[in-house]
Structure formats: C-alpha cells, structure tokens
PDB file of N, CA and C in Angstrom:
ATOM      1  N   MET A   1      55.747   6.071  53.995  1.00  0.00           N
ATOM      2  CA  MET A   1      56.539   6.446  55.061  1.00  0.00           C
ATOM      3  C   MET A   1      56.012   5.995  56.404  1.00  0.00           C
ATOM      4  N   GLU A   2      56.888   5.393  57.363  1.00  0.00           N
ATOM      5  CA  GLU A   2      56.336   4.736  58.469  1.00  0.00           C
ATOM      6  C   GLU A   2      56.802   5.751  59.579  1.00  0.00           C
ATOM      7  N   THR A   3      55.966   5.575  60.828  1.00  0.00           N
ATOM      8  CA  THR A   3      56.237   6.291  62.085  1.00  0.00           C
ATOM      9  C   THR A   3      56.455   5.364  63.000  1.00  0.00           C
ATOM     10  N   THR A   4      57.128   5.864  64.191  1.00  0.00           N
ATOM     11  CA  THR A   4      57.296   5.217  65.433  1.00  0.00           C
ATOM     12  C   THR A   4      56.624   5.891  66.620  1.00  0.00           C
ATOM     13  N   THR A   5      55.997   5.009  67.426  1.00  0.00           N
ATOM     14  CA  THR A   5      55.266   5.567  68.469  1.00  0.00           C
ATOM     15  C   THR A   5      55.740   5.003  69.969  1.00  0.00           C
ATOM     16  N   VAL A   6      56.942   4.005  69.794  1.00  0.00           N
ATOM     17  CA  VAL A   6      57.414   3.378  70.936  1.00  0.00           C
ATOM     18  C   VAL A   6      58.069   4.312  71.996  1.00  0.00           C
ATOM     19  N   ARG A   7      57.570   4.055  73.301  1.00  0.00           N
ATOM     20  CA  ARG A   7      58.253   4.943  74.217  1.00  0.00           C
ATOM     21  C   ARG A   7      58.871   4.085  75.396  1.00  0.00           C
ATOM     22  N   LEU A   8      60.167   4.357  75.657  1.00  0.00           N
ATOM     23  CA  LEU A   8      60.856   3.583  76.815  1.00  0.00           C
ATOM     24  C   LEU A   8      60.751   4.162  77.991  1.00  0.00           C
ATOM     25  N   PRO A   9      60.914   3.544  79.243  1.00  0.00           N
ATOM     26  CA  PRO A   9      60.866   4.277  80.431  1.00  0.00           C
ATOM     27  C   PRO A   9      62.053   5.150  80.553  1.00  0.00           C
ATOM     28  N   ASN A  10      61.975   6.316  81.249  1.00  0.00           N
ATOM     29  CA  ASN A  10      63.030   7.281  81.203  1.00  0.00           C
ATOM     30  C   ASN A  10      64.059   6.660  82.192  1.00  0.00           C
ATOM     31  N   GLU A  11      65.153   6.016  81.680  1.00  0.00           N
ATOM     32  CA  GLU A  11      66.254   5.426  82.303  1.00  0.00           C
ATOM     33  C   GLU A  11      67.515   6.160  82.101  1.00  0.00           C
ATOM     34  N   VAL A  12      68.520   5.725  82.659  1.00  0.00           N
ATOM     35  CA  VAL A  12      69.914   6.290  82.465  1.00  0.00           C
ATOM     36  C   VAL A  12      70.128   6.242  81.077  1.00  0.00           C
ATOM     37  N   GLU A  13      70.938   7.380  80.724  1.00  0.00           N
ATOM     38  CA  GLU A  13      71.269   7.571  79.421  1.00  0.00           C
ATOM     39  C   GLU A  13      72.251   6.542  78.969  1.00  0.00           C
ATOM     40  N   THR A  14      72.245   6.122  77.820  1.00  0.00           N
ATOM     41  CA  THR A  14      73.355   5.037  77.279  1.00  0.00           C
ATOM     42  C   THR A  14      74.031   5.649  76.039  1.00  0.00           C
ATOM     43  N   VAL A  15      74.954   4.737  75.483  1.00  0.00           N
ATOM     44  CA  VAL A  15      75.610   5.199  74.457  1.00  0.00           C
ATOM     45  C   VAL A  15      74.737   5.229  73.156  1.00  0.00           C
ATOM     46  N   GLU A  16      75.115   5.972  72.176  1.00  0.00           N
ATOM     47  CA  GLU A  16      74.417   6.091  70.899  1.00  0.00           C
ATOM     48  C   GLU A  16      74.840   4.934  70.084  1.00  0.00           C
ATOM     49  N   ILE A  17      73.785   4.264  69.475  1.00  0.00           N
ATOM     50  CA  ILE A  17      74.096   3.085  68.688  1.00  0.00           C
ATOM     51  C   ILE A  17      73.948   3.326  67.121  1.00  0.00           C
ATOM     52  N   MET A  18      73.531   4.628  66.853  1.00  0.00           N
ATOM     53  CA  MET A  18      73.515   4.850  65.394  1.00  0.00           C
ATOM     54  C   MET A  18      75.008   5.106  64.888  1.00  0.00           C
ATOM     55  N   PRO A  19      75.109   4.759  63.525  1.00  0.00           N
ATOM     56  CA  PRO A  19      76.476   4.835  62.949  1.00  0.00           C
ATOM     57  C   PRO A  19      76.977   6.252  63.039  1.00  0.00           C
ATOM     58  N   LYS A  20      78.316   6.158  63.101  1.00  0.00           N
ATOM     59  CA  LYS A  20      78.969   7.720  63.354  1.00  0.00           C
ATOM     60  C   LYS A  20      78.943   8.440  62.038  1.00  0.00           C
ATOM     61  N   ASN A  21      78.811   7.833  60.861  1.00  0.00           N
ATOM     62  CA  ASN A  21      78.773   8.617  59.669  1.00  0.00           C
ATOM     63  C   ASN A  21      77.461   8.798  59.191  1.00  0.00           C
ATOM     64  N   ASN A  22      76.405   8.758  60.129  1.00  0.00           N
ATOM     65  CA  ASN A  22      75.067   8.975  59.706  1.00  0.00           C
ATOM     66  C   ASN A  22      74.398   8.421  58.599  1.00  0.00           C
ATOM     67  N   LYS A  23      75.001   7.257  58.244  1.00  0.00           N
ATOM     68  CA  LYS A  23      74.511   6.511  57.054  1.00  0.00           C
ATOM     69  C   LYS A  23      74.412   5.014  57.421  1.00  0.00           C
ATOM     70  N   ILE A  24      73.322   4.396  56.821  1.00  0.00           N
ATOM     71  CA  ILE A  24      73.101   2.934  57.040  1.00  0.00           C
ATOM     72  C   ILE A  24      72.639   2.336  55.708  1.00  0.00           C
ATOM     73  N   LYS A  25      73.330   1.286  55.272  1.00  0.00           N
ATOM     74  CA  LYS A  25      72.892   0.648  54.091  1.00  0.00           C
ATOM     75  C   LYS A  25      71.858  -0.473  54.384  1.00  0.00           C
ATOM     76  N   ILE A  26      70.983  -0.447  53.728  1.00  0.00           N
ATOM     77  CA  ILE A  26      69.932  -1.657  53.732  1.00  0.00           C
ATOM     78  C   ILE A  26      69.692  -2.104  52.507  1.00  0.00           C
ATOM     79  N   GLY A  27      70.244  -3.224  52.053  1.00  0.00           N
ATOM     80  CA  GLY A  27      70.171  -3.593  50.675  1.00  0.00           C
ATOM     81  C   GLY A  27      70.989  -2.737  49.777  1.00  0.00           C
ATOM     82  N   TYR A  28      70.297  -2.311  48.704  1.00  0.00           N
ATOM     83  CA  TYR A  28      70.957  -1.420  47.757  1.00  0.00           C
ATOM     84  C   TYR A  28      70.776   0.095  48.156  1.00  0.00           C
ATOM     85  N   LYS A  29      69.864   0.337  49.142  1.00  0.00           N
ATOM     86  CA  LYS A  29      69.690   1.598  49.514  1.00  0.00           C
ATOM     87  C   LYS A  29      70.593   2.133  50.678  1.00  0.00           C
ATOM     88  N   GLU A  30      71.128   3.346  50.585  1.00  0.00           N
ATOM     89  CA  GLU A  30      71.704   3.915  51.828  1.00  0.00           C
ATOM     90  C   GLU A  30      71.108   5.141  52.370  1.00  0.00           C
ATOM     91  N   TYR A  31      70.598   4.805  53.595  1.00  0.00           N
ATOM     92  CA  TYR A  31      69.765   5.831  54.176  1.00  0.00           C
ATOM     93  C   TYR A  31      70.798   6.778  54.898  1.00  0.00           C
ATOM     94  N   GLU A  32      70.310   8.058  54.905  1.00  0.00           N
ATOM     95  CA  GLU A  32      70.939   9.268  55.630  1.00  0.00           C
ATOM     96  C   GLU A  32      70.151   9.132  57.044  1.00  0.00           C
ATOM     97  N   ILE A  33      70.848   9.294  58.032  1.00  0.00           N
ATOM     98  CA  ILE A  33      70.144   9.441  59.276  1.00  0.00           C
ATOM     99  C   ILE A  33      70.281  10.980  59.802  1.00  0.00           C
ATOM    100  N   VAL A  34      69.029  11.425  60.087  1.00  0.00           N
ATOM    101  CA  VAL A  34      69.128  12.919  60.254  1.00  0.00           C
ATOM    102  C   VAL A  34      68.474  13.138  61.651  1.00  0.00           C
ATOM    103  N   LYS A  35      69.162  13.739  62.488  1.00  0.00           N
ATOM    104  CA  LYS A  35      68.538  14.077  63.813  1.00  0.00           C
ATOM    105  C   LYS A  35      67.984  15.411  63.823  1.00  0.00           C
ATOM    106  N   LYS A  36      66.728  15.536  64.176  1.00  0.00           N
ATOM    107  CA  LYS A  36      65.894  16.680  64.243  1.00  0.00           C
ATOM    108  C   LYS A  36      65.647  17.250  65.618  1.00  0.00           C
ATOM    109  N   PRO A  37      65.832  18.563  65.889  1.00  0.00           N
ATOM    110  CA  PRO A  37      65.687  19.058  67.207  1.00  0.00           C
ATOM    111  C   PRO A  37      64.318  18.977  67.825  1.00  0.00           C
ATOM    112  N   GLU A  38      63.363  18.882  66.925  1.00  0.00           N
ATOM    113  CA  GLU A  38      61.870  18.880  67.201  1.00  0.00           C
ATOM    114  C   GLU A  38      61.328  17.427  67.282  1.00  0.00           C
ATOM    115  N   VAL A  39      59.930  17.431  67.624  1.00  0.00           N
ATOM    116  CA  VAL A  39      59.265  16.215  67.549  1.00  0.00           C
ATOM    117  C   VAL A  39      58.962  16.032  66.035  1.00  0.00           C
ATOM    118  N   ILE A  40      58.913  14.868  65.415  1.00  0.00           N
ATOM    119  CA  ILE A  40      58.594  14.546  64.050  1.00  0.00           C
ATOM    120  C   ILE A  40      56.936  14.833  64.061  1.00  0.00           C
ATOM    121  N   ASP A  41      56.636  15.595  63.020  1.00  0.00           N
ATOM    122  CA  ASP A  41      55.147  15.954  63.063  1.00  0.00           C
ATOM    123  C   ASP A  41      54.570  15.311  61.864  1.00  0.00           C
ATOM    124  N   LEU A  42      53.862  14.259  62.153  1.00  0.00           N
ATOM    125  CA  LEU A  42      52.931  13.657  60.975  1.00  0.00           C
ATOM    126  C   LEU A  42      51.595  13.873  61.533  1.00  0.00           C
ATOM    127  N   PRO A  43      50.690  12.956  60.987  1.00  0.00           N
ATOM    128  CA  PRO A  43      49.284  12.975  61.591  1.00  0.00           C
ATOM    129  C   PRO A  43      49.391  13.136  63.243  1.00  0.00           C
ATOM    130  N   ASN A  44      50.391  12.553  63.699  1.00  0.00           N
ATOM    131  CA  ASN A  44      50.435  12.622  65.325  1.00  0.00           C
ATOM    132  C   ASN A  44      52.138  12.778  65.566  1.00  0.00           C
ATOM    133  N   GLU A  45      52.294  13.147  66.732  1.00  0.00           N
ATOM    134  CA  GLU A  45      53.862  13.331  66.966  1.00  0.00           C
ATOM    135  C   GLU A  45      54.453  11.996  67.143  1.00  0.00           C
ATOM    136  N   CYS A  46      55.541  11.922  66.599  1.00  0.00           N
ATOM    137  CA  CYS A  46      56.347  10.872  66.227  1.00  0.00           C
ATOM    138  C   CYS A  46      57.809  11.015  66.947  1.00  0.00           C
ATOM    139  N   TYR A  47      58.390   9.897  67.243  1.00  0.00           N
ATOM    140  CA  TYR A  47      59.966  10.044  67.613  1.00  0.00           C
ATOM    141  C   TYR A  47      60.739   9.963  66.347  1.00  0.00           C
ATOM    142  N   GLY A  48      60.189   9.244  65.256  1.00  0.00           N
ATOM    143  CA  GLY A  48      61.079   9.305  64.116  1.00  0.00           C
ATOM    144  C   GLY A  48      60.161   8.807  62.827  1.00  0.00           C
ATOM    145  N   LYS A  49      60.886   8.740  61.667  1.00  0.00           N
ATOM    146  CA  LYS A  49      60.135   8.248  60.380  1.00  0.00           C
ATOM    147  C   LYS A  49      61.252   7.902  59.408  1.00  0.00           C
ATOM    148  N   ILE A  50      60.788   6.972  58.481  1.00  0.00           N
ATOM    149  CA  ILE A  50      61.684   6.492  57.455  1.00  0.00           C
ATOM    150  C   ILE A  50      60.918   6.889  56.157  1.00  0.00           C
ATOM    151  N   ASP A  51      61.733   7.404  55.184  1.00  0.00           N
ATOM    152  CA  ASP A  51      61.283   7.707  53.873  1.00  0.00           C
ATOM    153  C   ASP A  51      62.021   6.773  52.953  1.00  0.00           C
ATOM    154  N   TYR A  52      61.272   5.747  52.483  1.00  0.00           N
ATOM    155  CA  TYR A  52      61.942   4.785  51.560  1.00  0.00           C
ATOM    156  C   TYR A  52      62.351   5.436  50.138  1.00  0.00           C
ATOM    157  N   ASP A  53      61.630   6.460  49.670  1.00  0.00           N
ATOM    158  CA  ASP A  53      61.921   7.026  48.499  1.00  0.00           C
ATOM    159  C   ASP A  53      63.264   7.905  48.467  1.00  0.00           C
ATOM    160  N   LYS A  54      63.200   8.646  49.517  1.00  0.00           N
ATOM    161  CA  LYS A  54      64.332   9.764  49.720  1.00  0.00           C
ATOM    162  C   LYS A  54      65.380   9.110  50.397  1.00  0.00           C
ATOM    163  N   GLU A  55      65.255   7.960  50.952  1.00  0.00           N
ATOM    164  CA  GLU A  55      66.456   7.276  51.552  1.00  0.00           C
ATOM    165  C   GLU A  55      66.808   7.941  52.773  1.00  0.00           C
ATOM    166  N   ILE A  56      65.947   8.446  53.647  1.00  0.00           N
ATOM    167  CA  ILE A  56      66.119   9.283  54.823  1.00  0.00           C
ATOM    168  C   ILE A  56      65.568   8.671  56.173  1.00  0.00           C
ATOM    169  N   ILE A  57      66.264   8.528  57.183  1.00  0.00           N
ATOM    170  CA  ILE A  57      65.611   8.226  58.480  1.00  0.00           C
ATOM    171  C   ILE A  57      65.757   9.470  59.417  1.00  0.00           C
ATOM    172  N   GLU A  58      64.601   9.904  59.843  1.00  0.00           N
ATOM    173  CA  GLU A  58      64.721  11.148  60.822  1.00  0.00           C
ATOM    174  C   GLU A  58      64.390  10.599  62.121  1.00  0.00           C
ATOM    175  N   ILE A  59      65.269  11.074  63.143  1.00  0.00           N
ATOM    176  CA  ILE A  59      65.126  10.832  64.575  1.00  0.00           C
ATOM    177  C   ILE A  59      64.878  12.107  65.335  1.00  0.00           C
ATOM    178  N   SER A  60      64.028  12.109  66.125  1.00  0.00           N
ATOM    179  CA  SER A  60      63.953  13.409  66.983  1.00  0.00           C
ATOM    180  C   SER A  60      64.843  13.416  68.175  1.00  0.00           C
ATOM    181  N   ALA A  61      65.785  14.513  68.171  1.00  0.00           N
ATOM    182  CA  ALA A  61      66.812  14.599  69.312  1.00  0.00           C
ATOM    183  C   ALA A  61      66.152  15.114  70.554  1.00  0.00           C
ATOM    184  N   LYS A  62      64.828  15.407  70.563  1.00  0.00           N
ATOM    185  CA  LYS A  62      64.279  15.967  71.831  1.00  0.00           C
ATOM    186  C   LYS A  62      64.106  14.972  72.992  1.00  0.00           C
ATOM    187  N   TYR A  63      64.406  13.792  72.597  1.00  0.00           N
ATOM    188  CA  TYR A  63      64.171  12.661  73.657  1.00  0.00           C
ATOM    189  C   TYR A  63      65.428  12.141  74.181  1.00  0.00           C
ATOM    190  N   SER A  64      65.587  11.320  75.127  1.00  0.00           N
ATOM    191  CA  SER A  64      66.736  10.706  75.660  1.00  0.00           C
ATOM    192  C   SER A  64      67.505   9.771  74.591  1.00  0.00           C
ATOM    193  N   GLN A  65      68.769   9.507  74.801  1.00  0.00           N
ATOM    194  CA  GLN A  65      69.618   8.822  73.927  1.00  0.00           C
ATOM    195  C   GLN A  65      68.915   7.272  73.922  1.00  0.00           C
ATOM    196  N   ARG A  66      68.471   6.933  74.934  1.00  0.00           N
ATOM    197  CA  ARG A  66      67.896   5.535  74.756  1.00  0.00           C
ATOM    198  C   ARG A  66      66.624   5.463  73.937  1.00  0.00           C
ATOM    199  N   GLN A  67      65.808   6.551  73.938  1.00  0.00           N
ATOM    200  CA  GLN A  67      64.690   6.659  72.988  1.00  0.00           C
ATOM    201  C   GLN A  67      65.100   6.893  71.596  1.00  0.00           C
ATOM    202  N   GLN A  68      66.159   7.590  71.365  1.00  0.00           N
ATOM    203  CA  GLN A  68      66.650   7.836  70.084  1.00  0.00           C
ATOM    204  C   GLN A  68      67.170   6.376  69.426  1.00  0.00           C
ATOM    205  N   ASN A  69      67.986   5.745  70.378  1.00  0.00           N
ATOM    206  CA  ASN A  69      68.351   4.347  69.970  1.00  0.00           C
ATOM    207  C   ASN A  69      67.248   3.483  69.488  1.00  0.00           C
ATOM    208  N   ALA A  70      66.225   3.403  70.415  1.00  0.00           N
ATOM    209  CA  ALA A  70      65.032   2.534  70.408  1.00  0.00           C
ATOM    210  C   ALA A  70      64.366   2.964  68.846  1.00  0.00           C
ATOM    211  N   THR A  71      64.305   4.132  68.797  1.00  0.00           N
ATOM    212  CA  THR A  71      63.589   4.875  67.489  1.00  0.00           C
ATOM    213  C   THR A  71      64.479   4.423  66.275  1.00  0.00           C
ATOM    214  N   PHE A  72      65.758   4.670  66.362  1.00  0.00           N
ATOM    215  CA  PHE A  72      66.658   4.287  65.183  1.00  0.00           C
ATOM    216  C   PHE A  72      66.457   2.735  64.848  1.00  0.00           C
ATOM    217  N   LEU A  73      66.423   1.774  65.842  1.00  0.00           N
ATOM    218  CA  LEU A  73      66.077   0.371  65.469  1.00  0.00           C
ATOM    219  C   LEU A  73      64.832   0.166  65.059  1.00  0.00           C
ATOM    220  N   HIS A  74      63.778   0.953  65.526  1.00  0.00           N
ATOM    221  CA  HIS A  74      62.374   0.802  64.875  1.00  0.00           C
ATOM    222  C   HIS A  74      62.337   1.068  63.506  1.00  0.00           C
ATOM    223  N   GLU A  75      63.006   2.178  63.119  1.00  0.00           N
ATOM    224  CA  GLU A  75      63.051   2.629  61.756  1.00  0.00           C
ATOM    225  C   GLU A  75      63.897   1.654  60.825  1.00  0.00           C
ATOM    226  N   LEU A  76      64.946   1.156  61.434  1.00  0.00           N
ATOM    227  CA  LEU A  76      65.736   0.120  60.670  1.00  0.00           C
ATOM    228  C   LEU A  76      64.852  -1.067  60.411  1.00  0.00           C
ATOM    229  N   VAL A  77      64.021  -1.565  61.366  1.00  0.00           N
ATOM    230  CA  VAL A  77      63.257  -2.698  61.108  1.00  0.00           C
ATOM    231  C   VAL A  77      62.202  -2.348  59.972  1.00  0.00           C
ATOM    232  N   HIS A  78      61.690  -1.256  60.030  1.00  0.00           N
ATOM    233  CA  HIS A  78      60.781  -0.895  58.888  1.00  0.00           C
ATOM    234  C   HIS A  78      61.476  -1.104  57.545  1.00  0.00           C
ATOM    235  N   GLY A  79      62.765  -0.586  57.567  1.00  0.00           N
ATOM    236  CA  GLY A  79      63.568  -0.617  56.400  1.00  0.00           C
ATOM    237  C   GLY A  79      63.989  -1.995  55.971  1.00  0.00           C
ATOM    238  N   ILE A  80      64.157  -2.882  56.851  1.00  0.00           N
ATOM    239  CA  ILE A  80      64.663  -4.190  56.601  1.00  0.00           C
ATOM    240  C   ILE A  80      63.354  -4.969  55.994  1.00  0.00           C
ATOM    241  N   PHE A  81      62.182  -4.768  56.676  1.00  0.00           N
ATOM    242  CA  PHE A  81      61.014  -5.326  56.173  1.00  0.00           C
ATOM    243  C   PHE A  81      60.761  -4.846  54.762  1.00  0.00           C
ATOM    244  N   GLU A  82      60.907  -3.565  54.592  1.00  0.00           N
ATOM    245  CA  GLU A  82      60.749  -2.896  53.117  1.00  0.00           C
ATOM    246  C   GLU A  82      61.675  -3.557  51.978  1.00  0.00           C
ATOM    247  N   LYS A  83      62.941  -3.770  52.394  1.00  0.00           N
ATOM    248  CA  LYS A  83      63.955  -4.297  51.660  1.00  0.00           C
ATOM    249  C   LYS A  83      63.546  -5.761  51.256  1.00  0.00           C
ATOM    250  N   LEU A  84      62.916  -6.478  52.296  1.00  0.00           N
ATOM    251  CA  LEU A  84      62.514  -7.861  52.050  1.00  0.00           C
ATOM    252  C   LEU A  84      61.189  -8.067  51.354  1.00  0.00           C
ATOM    253  N   ASP A  85      60.559  -6.820  50.956  1.00  0.00           N
ATOM    254  CA  ASP A  85      59.333  -6.833  50.346  1.00  0.00           C
ATOM    255  C   ASP A  85      58.179  -7.512  51.222  1.00  0.00           C
ATOM    256  N   LEU A  86      58.240  -7.324  52.544  1.00  0.00           N
ATOM    257  CA  LEU A  86      57.256  -7.901  53.569  1.00  0.00           C
ATOM    258  C   LEU A  86      56.365  -6.723  53.768  1.00  0.00           C
ATOM    259  N   ASP A  87      55.528  -6.170  53.089  1.00  0.00           N
ATOM    260  CA  ASP A  87      54.619  -5.031  53.183  1.00  0.00           C
ATOM    261  C   ASP A  87      53.695  -5.226  54.537  1.00  0.00           C
ATOM    262  N   ASP A  88      53.065  -6.419  54.506  1.00  0.00           N
ATOM    263  CA  ASP A  88      52.389  -6.679  55.594  1.00  0.00           C
ATOM    264  C   ASP A  88      53.125  -6.393  56.951  1.00  0.00           C
ATOM    265  N   LEU A  89      54.240  -7.000  57.116  1.00  0.00           N
ATOM    266  CA  LEU A  89      55.060  -6.826  58.451  1.00  0.00           C
ATOM    267  C   LEU A  89      55.575  -5.389  58.472  1.00  0.00           C
ATOM    268  N   ARG A  90      55.904  -4.659  57.351  1.00  0.00           N
ATOM    269  CA  ARG A  90      56.474  -3.269  57.391  1.00  0.00           C
ATOM    270  C   ARG A  90      55.475  -2.403  58.006  1.00  0.00           C
ATOM    271  N   ARG A  91      54.127  -2.619  57.624  1.00  0.00           N
ATOM    272  CA  ARG A  91      53.010  -1.687  57.995  1.00  0.00           C
ATOM    273  C   ARG A  91      52.474  -2.092  59.365  1.00  0.00           C
ATOM    274  N   ASN A  92      52.899  -3.124  59.932  1.00  0.00           N
ATOM    275  CA  ASN A  92      52.397  -3.638  61.233  1.00  0.00           C
ATOM    276  C   ASN A  92      53.133  -3.142  62.310  1.00  0.00           C
ATOM    277  N   GLU A  93      52.703  -1.982  62.930  1.00  0.00           N
ATOM    278  CA  GLU A  93      53.534  -1.348  63.936  1.00  0.00           C
ATOM    279  C   GLU A  93      53.710  -2.155  65.274  1.00  0.00           C
ATOM    280  N   GLN A  94      52.826  -3.165  65.652  1.00  0.00           N
ATOM    281  CA  GLN A  94      53.125  -4.028  66.601  1.00  0.00           C
ATOM    282  C   GLN A  94      54.034  -4.891  66.578  1.00  0.00           C
ATOM    283  N   ILE A  95      54.157  -5.514  65.139  1.00  0.00           N
ATOM    284  CA  ILE A  95      55.416  -6.388  65.078  1.00  0.00           C
ATOM    285  C   ILE A  95      56.751  -5.663  65.003  1.00  0.00           C
ATOM    286  N   VAL A  96      56.598  -4.452  64.347  1.00  0.00           N
ATOM    287  CA  VAL A  96      57.883  -3.629  64.277  1.00  0.00           C
ATOM    288  C   VAL A  96      58.388  -3.395  65.685  1.00  0.00           C
ATOM    289  N   ASN A  97      57.486  -2.880  66.474  1.00  0.00           N
ATOM    290  CA  ASN A  97      57.755  -2.554  67.918  1.00  0.00           C
ATOM    291  C   ASN A  97      58.289  -3.713  68.529  1.00  0.00           C
ATOM    292  N   GLN A  98      57.648  -4.910  68.194  1.00  0.00           N
ATOM    293  CA  GLN A  98      58.272  -6.073  69.212  1.00  0.00           C
ATOM    294  C   GLN A  98      59.473  -6.505  68.606  1.00  0.00           C
ATOM    295  N   VAL A  99      59.899  -6.631  67.416  1.00  0.00           N
ATOM    296  CA  VAL A  99      61.183  -7.024  66.821  1.00  0.00           C
ATOM    297  C   VAL A  99      62.307  -5.796  67.313  1.00  0.00           C
ATOM    298  N   SER A 100      61.829  -4.630  67.082  1.00  0.00           N
ATOM    299  CA  SER A 100      62.910  -3.730  67.345  1.00  0.00           C
ATOM    300  C   SER A 100      63.137  -3.400  68.980  1.00  0.00           C
ATOM    301  N   SER A 101      62.269  -3.576  69.770  1.00  0.00           N
ATOM    302  CA  SER A 101      62.462  -3.426  71.154  1.00  0.00           C
ATOM    303  C   SER A 101      63.177  -4.765  71.531  1.00  0.00           C
ATOM    304  N   THR A 102      62.915  -5.947  71.044  1.00  0.00           N
ATOM    305  CA  THR A 102      63.697  -7.127  71.425  1.00  0.00           C
ATOM    306  C   THR A 102      65.214  -7.039  71.031  1.00  0.00           C
ATOM    307  N   LEU A 103      65.323  -6.603  69.856  1.00  0.00           N
ATOM    308  CA  LEU A 103      66.719  -6.334  69.361  1.00  0.00           C
ATOM    309  C   LEU A 103      67.454  -5.260  70.343  1.00  0.00           C
ATOM    310  N   TYR A 104      66.726  -4.196  70.665  1.00  0.00           N
ATOM    311  CA  TYR A 104      67.412  -3.254  71.675  1.00  0.00           C
ATOM    312  C   TYR A 104      67.850  -3.844  72.974  1.00  0.00           C
ATOM    313  N   GLU A 105      66.858  -4.784  73.446  1.00  0.00           N
ATOM    314  CA  GLU A 105      67.170  -5.391  74.722  1.00  0.00           C
ATOM    315  C   GLU A 105      68.357  -6.281  74.637  1.00  0.00           C
ATOM    316  N   ILE A 106      68.487  -6.966  73.508  1.00  0.00           N
ATOM    317  CA  ILE A 106      69.596  -7.799  73.257  1.00  0.00           C
ATOM    318  C   ILE A 106      70.943  -7.040  73.253  1.00  0.00           C
ATOM    319  N   PHE A 107      70.904  -5.915  72.643  1.00  0.00           N
ATOM    320  CA  PHE A 107      72.121  -5.048  72.480  1.00  0.00           C
ATOM    321  C   PHE A 107      72.528  -4.466  74.003  1.00  0.00           C
ATOM    322  N   LEU A 108      71.321  -4.068  74.697  1.00  0.00           N
ATOM    323  CA  LEU A 108      71.799  -3.582  76.066  1.00  0.00           C
ATOM    324  C   LEU A 108      72.086  -4.839  76.925  1.00  0.00           C
ATOM    325  N   ASP A 109      71.510  -5.878  76.989  1.00  0.00           N
ATOM    326  CA  ASP A 109      71.904  -6.997  77.943  1.00  0.00           C
ATOM    327  C   ASP A 109      73.296  -7.575  77.553  1.00  0.00           C
ATOM    328  N   ASN A 110      73.774  -7.395  76.222  1.00  0.00           N
ATOM    329  CA  ASN A 110      74.920  -8.028  75.785  1.00  0.00           C
ATOM    330  C   ASN A 110      75.795  -6.996  75.110  1.00  0.00           C
ATOM    331  N   PRO A 111      76.349  -6.231  75.797  1.00  0.00           N
ATOM    332  CA  PRO A 111      77.189  -5.031  75.260  1.00  0.00           C
ATOM    333  C   PRO A 111      78.417  -5.510  74.655  1.00  0.00           C
ATOM    334  N   HIS A 112      78.776  -6.782  74.844  1.00  0.00           N
ATOM    335  CA  HIS A 112      80.040  -7.309  74.153  1.00  0.00           C
ATOM    336  C   HIS A 112      79.686  -7.781  72.843  1.00  0.00           C
ATOM    337  N   ILE A 113      78.459  -7.841  72.607  1.00  0.00           N
ATOM    338  CA  ILE A 113      77.995  -8.589  71.198  1.00  0.00           C
ATOM    339  C   ILE A 113      78.867  -8.080  70.094  1.00  0.00           C
ATOM    340  N   PHE A 114      79.135  -6.734  69.867  1.00  0.00           N
ATOM    341  CA  PHE A 114      79.960  -6.343  68.751  1.00  0.00           C
ATOM    342  C   PHE A 114      81.455  -6.265  68.811  1.00  0.00           C
ATOM    343  N   THR A 115      81.882  -6.665  70.000  1.00  0.00           N
ATOM    344  CA  THR A 115      83.311  -6.856  70.217  1.00  0.00           C
ATOM    345  C   THR A 115      83.870  -8.202  70.406  1.00  0.00           C
ATOM    346  N   MET A 116      82.990  -9.153  70.012  1.00  0.00           N
ATOM    347  CA  MET A 116      83.548 -10.592  70.170  1.00  0.00           C
ATOM    348  C   MET A 116      84.353 -10.911  68.992  1.00  0.00           C
ATOM    349  N   LYS A 117      85.524 -11.312  69.319  1.00  0.00           N
ATOM    350  CA  LYS A 117      86.371 -11.711  68.229  1.00  0.00           C
ATOM    351  C   LYS A 117      86.474 -13.219  67.914  1.00  0.00           C
ATOM    352  N   ASP A 118      85.794 -13.997  68.602  1.00  0.00           N
ATOM    353  CA  ASP A 118      85.835 -15.386  68.317  1.00  0.00           C
ATOM    354  C   ASP A 118      84.636 -15.902  67.395  1.00  0.00           C
ATOM    355  N   ILE A 119      83.869 -15.116  66.970  1.00  0.00           N
ATOM    356  CA  ILE A 119      82.780 -15.239  66.057  1.00  0.00           C
ATOM    357  C   ILE A 119      83.228 -15.422  64.564  1.00  0.00           C
TER     358      ILE A 119
END
C-alpha cells in the first residue's frame, strides 16, 4: 500500500479528472476509486492511498479539487509502476511525485489534450 504526501498550492478549483464511473483499469486490474470525507489515516495523514490487492484507490475529499486530482494521478502512477513490476520506482515517492505532478501540469497547460481529433 502506497501513500501520497504531495500538496499543491491553494489555487482556483478546477474540473475533476477522475473517471465518472469511479473505476480505472491498469493492466488486468480494475481499481475502484473511493472518495473519503476524511483524511486518509496511515502512519501519517495522507491525501490518498492505493491498495494493489483489493484494487482500491482512496482519495480524501477533504481537500480542494486540484489536490484530489493531483492525488489521483499520484496513486495512478504508483499503480502503473506496480503493473510494470518496477518496485524500486513504485516505492520511490520522489519519482512518483515528479512524474505525477508533471503529468498534472501537462493536463492543466493543455486542456485540449483529450479533445484533439487529429491524433
């Protein structure tokens, strides 16, 4: 089980990037995305966590939509690294933070990215 500790600046709310059906498939696993009203409580307070065995991604709804989006991408990167059997990367919070925050910046800076019809 991995946790996220990334915090974004308190900025204007943005649209939710999590799937509407609250499920995301990574390889053969289909993770249920569960929003919790409280902080995710592990050894320390967290914004989210991923459970590879139960196939659940939990996101704390206590924080801004931007933080929830960033947390979702953070847990998604953990899931991708787990699927690729890259355990060293999956456990490296610095790498996961860098990859997930860069992805989020790309999505924010290029809102047309998923509506491009010429690709």
